[in-house]
Amino acid sequence: MSDISERSDPNPSDAGRDDSVRNESNRRGVREWLSDLFSDEPENLHELMELLRDAAARQMFDDEALNIIFGALHVGDMHARDIMIPRSALVIVQESQPLEELLPIIIESRHSRFPVVGDDVDDIKGILHAKDLLPLVLDQSEFSMKDCIRTASVIPESKRLNVLLQELREQRYHMAVVLDEYATVAGLVAVEDILEEIVGEIADETDPQDLIAIQRIDDQRYHVAALTPIEDFNEHFGAGLN
């Protein structure tokens, strides 16, 4: 009886072998997927994205990581003109403005950086950082815009976003002024705008919480924010605008 009992008792080493077999099976699954990936190399972006979706379906990474990868790939096909804040929406300050005129603009807009212009909007002098005004306000020092502004990064609207992001990181700039083909100011792109194309909307405490792009007034009238994306407009009204 003792021999039978000893043979029927679970052996701890068997459990260890089972875990080893499962781990080896998991590793084999990853190796097989990688082997398929490189043996059948994707010929275009669509095929690559399908392979990545397949990897996410196998739970090699989660959906959030997949969306970030897709966002990074998408940015490579976009240009500054695609995401820039348009000229009409820019909050600018003039080189000749005194401090008492600047402060209300800065307080009301809640921005941290402002393009500084000379005679007109196309005469870019630099970028004003709001934080650079704090010592002047506290010490009541004499204000000189020329002593406060920093060099502006100026780019063409055709600049690819992945290249722009790399350049802004290397130059340690947070924004760039965008020029059109006629060398006039078309808009502005911030690092945050590019990152949002990759990781999604980045909200902070200064963003309006109750902004609604499309509001119904009555059966015949709607209030539509000027910067509402065409895609959102089409989806809401069933339109086909381009």
Protein backbone atom coordinates (compact mmCIF):
# COMPACT_ATOMS: atom_id res chain seq x y z
CA MET A 1 0.00 0.00 0.00
CA SER A 2 2.79 2.37 0.82
CA ASP A 3 4.21 1.94 -2.69
CA ILE A 4 0.84 2.77 -4.30
CA SER A 5 0.33 5.85 -2.11
CA GLU A 6 3.77 7.17 -2.93
CA ARG A 7 3.13 6.77 -6.66
CA SER A 8 -0.28 8.50 -6.49
CA ASP A 9 0.92 11.60 -4.56
CA PRO A 10 1.52 14.71 -6.72
CA ASN A 11 5.14 15.32 -7.42
CA PRO A 12 6.20 19.00 -6.98
CA SER A 13 8.54 18.64 -9.88
CA ASP A 14 5.56 17.87 -12.17
CA ALA A 15 4.03 21.31 -11.45
CA GLY A 16 7.33 22.92 -12.28
CA ARG A 17 7.47 21.05 -15.57
CA ASP A 18 3.90 22.15 -16.38
CA ASP A 19 4.83 25.83 -15.80
CA SER A 20 7.90 25.39 -17.94
CA VAL A 21 5.82 23.89 -20.75
CA ARG A 22 3.33 26.79 -20.61
CA ASN A 23 6.10 29.39 -20.63
CA GLU A 24 7.79 27.66 -23.54
CA SER A 25 4.46 27.61 -25.38
CA ASN A 26 4.03 31.36 -24.85
CA ARG A 27 7.56 32.05 -26.03
CA ARG A 28 6.95 29.86 -29.07
CA GLY A 29 3.83 31.90 -29.89
CA VAL A 30 5.78 35.16 -29.81
CA ARG A 31 8.62 33.64 -31.86
CA GLU A 32 6.18 32.34 -34.44
CA TRP A 33 4.50 35.76 -34.74
CA LEU A 34 7.86 37.51 -35.12
CA SER A 35 8.92 34.90 -37.65
CA ASP A 36 5.75 35.52 -39.64
CA LEU A 37 6.30 39.27 -39.40
CA PHE A 38 9.78 39.22 -40.89
CA SER A 39 9.30 36.33 -43.31
CA ASP A 40 6.31 38.05 -44.90
CA GLU A 41 7.48 41.65 -44.82
CA PRO A 42 4.64 44.21 -45.16
CA GLU A 43 4.73 46.02 -48.48
CA ASN A 44 2.78 49.12 -47.38
CA LEU A 45 1.48 50.96 -44.34
CA HIS A 46 -1.89 49.22 -44.49
CA GLU A 47 -0.29 45.77 -44.22
CA LEU A 48 1.92 46.94 -41.36
CA MET A 49 -1.10 48.25 -39.47
CA GLU A 50 -2.88 44.92 -39.97
CA LEU A 51 0.13 43.10 -38.48
CA LEU A 52 0.07 45.45 -35.50
CA ARG A 53 -3.66 44.87 -35.01
CA ASP A 54 -2.99 41.14 -35.07
CA ALA A 55 -0.29 41.57 -32.42
CA ALA A 56 -2.71 43.54 -30.22
CA ALA A 57 -5.35 40.83 -30.70
CA ARG A 58 -2.78 38.33 -29.41
CA GLN A 59 -2.44 40.62 -26.35
CA MET A 60 1.22 41.33 -27.00
CA PHE A 61 0.38 44.95 -26.10
CA ASP A 62 -2.81 46.76 -25.16
CA ASP A 63 -5.13 48.92 -27.27
CA GLU A 64 -3.71 52.16 -25.84
CA ALA A 65 -0.22 51.23 -27.03
CA LEU A 66 -1.69 50.29 -30.43
CA ASN A 67 -3.37 53.69 -30.75
CA ILE A 68 -0.12 55.47 -29.89
CA ILE A 69 1.75 53.46 -32.54
CA PHE A 70 -0.93 54.29 -35.11
CA GLY A 71 -0.76 57.95 -34.07
CA ALA A 72 3.01 58.02 -34.55
CA LEU A 73 2.67 56.43 -38.00
CA HIS A 74 -0.07 58.88 -38.92
CA VAL A 75 2.05 61.90 -37.92
CA GLY A 76 4.66 60.90 -40.49
CA ASP A 77 2.13 61.61 -43.25
CA MET A 78 0.95 64.97 -41.88
CA HIS A 79 2.23 68.49 -42.43
CA ALA A 80 2.27 71.65 -40.34
CA ARG A 81 -0.70 73.04 -42.30
CA ASP A 82 -2.83 70.09 -41.17
CA ILE A 83 -2.83 70.94 -37.46
CA MET A 84 -1.69 74.57 -37.17
CA ILE A 85 -3.67 77.16 -35.25
CA PRO A 86 -4.83 79.39 -38.12
CA ARG A 87 -3.75 83.01 -38.48
CA SER A 88 -7.24 84.26 -37.61
CA ALA A 89 -7.13 82.53 -34.21
CA LEU A 90 -3.66 83.68 -33.13
CA VAL A 91 -3.24 85.81 -30.03
CA ILE A 92 -0.36 88.15 -30.83
CA VAL A 93 1.29 91.11 -29.14
CA GLN A 94 3.05 94.06 -30.71
CA GLU A 95 6.65 94.97 -30.15
CA SER A 96 5.68 98.54 -29.31
CA GLN A 97 3.03 97.70 -26.69
CA PRO A 98 3.71 98.89 -23.13
CA LEU A 99 3.48 96.47 -20.21
CA GLU A 100 0.12 97.81 -19.02
CA GLU A 101 -1.40 96.85 -22.40
CA LEU A 102 0.25 93.43 -22.51
CA LEU A 103 -0.91 92.17 -19.12
CA PRO A 104 -4.67 92.18 -19.88
CA ILE A 105 -4.01 90.23 -23.11
CA ILE A 106 -1.90 87.66 -21.28
CA ILE A 107 -4.37 87.29 -18.40
CA GLU A 108 -7.42 86.96 -20.63
CA SER A 109 -5.92 84.48 -23.10
CA ARG A 110 -4.20 82.32 -20.43
CA HIS A 111 -1.49 81.43 -22.93
CA SER A 112 2.12 81.06 -21.89
CA ARG A 113 3.76 82.14 -25.17
CA PHE A 114 2.87 84.84 -27.69
CA PRO A 115 4.18 85.72 -31.16
CA VAL A 116 5.55 89.27 -31.15
CA VAL A 117 5.05 91.31 -34.33
CA GLY A 118 6.22 94.67 -35.63
CA ASP A 119 4.33 96.70 -38.20
CA ASP A 120 1.91 93.87 -39.07
CA VAL A 121 1.23 90.19 -38.41
CA ASP A 122 3.76 89.10 -41.03
CA ASP A 123 6.57 91.06 -39.35
CA ILE A 124 7.54 88.41 -36.78
CA LYS A 125 10.01 89.68 -34.21
CA GLY A 126 10.11 86.72 -31.86
CA ILE A 127 8.24 84.90 -29.08
CA LEU A 128 7.32 86.39 -25.72
CA HIS A 129 7.19 84.04 -22.72
CA ALA A 130 4.70 85.26 -20.13
CA LYS A 131 6.93 84.05 -17.30
CA ASP A 132 9.66 86.46 -18.42
CA LEU A 133 7.40 89.35 -17.41
CA LEU A 134 7.03 88.24 -13.78
CA PRO A 135 10.32 89.75 -12.53
CA LEU A 136 9.45 93.03 -14.24
CA VAL A 137 6.02 93.14 -12.62
CA LEU A 138 7.31 92.23 -9.16
CA ASP A 139 10.32 94.55 -9.25
CA GLN A 140 8.48 97.25 -11.21
CA SER A 141 11.49 97.41 -13.48
CA GLU A 142 11.52 99.38 -16.68
CA PHE A 143 9.99 97.28 -19.45
CA SER A 144 11.62 96.74 -22.83
CA MET A 145 10.08 94.22 -25.21
CA LYS A 146 13.34 93.78 -27.09
CA ASP A 147 14.98 92.52 -23.89
CA CYS A 148 12.23 89.94 -23.30
CA ILE A 149 11.49 88.33 -26.63
CA ARG A 150 13.17 85.13 -27.76
CA THR A 151 14.00 83.91 -31.25
CA ALA A 152 11.04 82.45 -33.15
CA SER A 153 11.24 79.18 -35.07
CA VAL A 154 9.81 79.84 -38.54
CA ILE A 155 8.84 76.92 -40.78
CA PRO A 156 7.01 76.34 -44.10
CA GLU A 157 3.49 74.94 -43.94
CA SER A 158 4.69 71.89 -45.87
CA LYS A 159 7.00 70.78 -43.04
CA ARG A 160 6.29 67.18 -42.03
CA LEU A 161 5.22 66.84 -38.41
CA ASN A 162 7.65 64.05 -37.51
CA VAL A 163 10.55 66.16 -38.78
CA LEU A 164 9.20 69.26 -37.03
CA LEU A 165 8.86 67.45 -33.71
CA GLN A 166 12.46 66.29 -33.90
CA GLU A 167 13.69 69.80 -34.75
CA LEU A 168 11.72 71.44 -31.96
CA ARG A 169 13.11 68.94 -29.47
CA GLU A 170 16.68 69.50 -30.62
CA GLN A 171 16.31 73.31 -30.62
CA ARG A 172 14.32 73.25 -27.36
CA TYR A 173 11.50 75.31 -28.84
CA HIS A 174 7.87 74.78 -27.85
CA MET A 175 6.26 76.30 -30.92
CA ALA A 176 6.91 77.34 -34.49
CA VAL A 177 5.45 80.08 -36.67
CA VAL A 178 4.12 78.66 -39.95
CA LEU A 179 4.56 80.53 -43.24
CA ASP A 180 2.66 79.89 -46.45
CA GLU A 181 4.10 79.82 -49.97
CA TYR A 182 4.04 83.64 -50.09
CA ALA A 183 6.11 83.93 -46.88
CA THR A 184 3.16 85.35 -44.95
CA VAL A 185 2.12 84.02 -41.55
CA ALA A 186 -0.38 81.17 -41.96
CA GLY A 187 -0.56 80.01 -38.36
CA LEU A 188 1.31 78.45 -35.47
CA VAL A 189 2.15 74.91 -34.34
CA ALA A 190 3.03 73.95 -30.75
CA VAL A 191 4.74 70.77 -29.58
CA GLU A 192 1.55 69.91 -27.69
CA ASP A 193 -0.42 69.97 -30.95
CA ILE A 194 1.89 67.34 -32.46
CA LEU A 195 1.86 65.14 -29.35
CA GLU A 196 -1.94 65.21 -29.29
CA GLU A 197 -1.93 63.69 -32.78
CA ILE A 198 0.03 60.78 -31.30
CA VAL A 199 -1.43 60.21 -27.83
CA GLY A 200 -4.79 61.97 -28.08
CA GLU A 201 -6.19 65.10 -26.46
CA ILE A 202 -4.06 66.55 -23.65
CA ALA A 203 -6.27 68.60 -21.34
CA ASP A 204 -5.02 70.97 -18.67
CA GLU A 205 -6.61 73.15 -16.01
CA THR A 206 -6.91 76.16 -18.34
CA ASP A 207 -8.90 74.34 -21.03
CA PRO A 208 -12.59 75.27 -21.12
CA GLN A 209 -14.69 72.45 -19.68
CA ASP A 210 -18.03 73.40 -21.24
CA LEU A 211 -17.02 74.15 -24.83
CA ILE A 212 -19.54 72.62 -27.24
CA ALA A 213 -18.62 72.88 -30.91
CA ILE A 214 -22.16 72.48 -32.28
CA GLN A 215 -25.16 73.79 -30.34
CA ARG A 216 -28.79 73.65 -31.46
CA ILE A 217 -30.63 76.98 -31.14
CA ASP A 218 -33.96 75.95 -32.70
CA ASP A 219 -35.28 73.79 -35.56
CA GLN A 220 -33.65 76.01 -38.20
CA ARG A 221 -30.57 77.41 -36.48
CA TYR A 222 -27.38 76.04 -34.96
CA HIS A 223 -24.35 77.69 -33.42
CA VAL A 224 -21.17 76.11 -34.85
CA ALA A 225 -17.72 76.99 -33.52
CA ALA A 226 -15.51 78.35 -36.32
CA LEU A 227 -12.76 75.80 -35.65
CA THR A 228 -15.05 72.76 -35.68
CA PRO A 229 -13.34 69.99 -37.71
CA ILE A 230 -15.04 69.24 -41.02
CA GLU A 231 -15.28 65.57 -40.02
CA ASP A 232 -17.28 66.46 -36.88
CA PHE A 233 -19.55 68.79 -38.88
CA ASN A 234 -20.25 66.11 -41.48
CA GLU A 235 -20.96 63.48 -38.86
CA HIS A 236 -23.37 65.73 -36.94
CA PHE A 237 -25.34 66.99 -39.95
CA GLY A 238 -24.93 64.04 -42.29
CA ALA A 239 -23.13 66.29 -44.76
CA GLY A 240 -20.37 65.53 -47.25
CA LEU A 241 -18.18 68.62 -47.15
CA ASN A 242 -14.49 68.31 -48.05
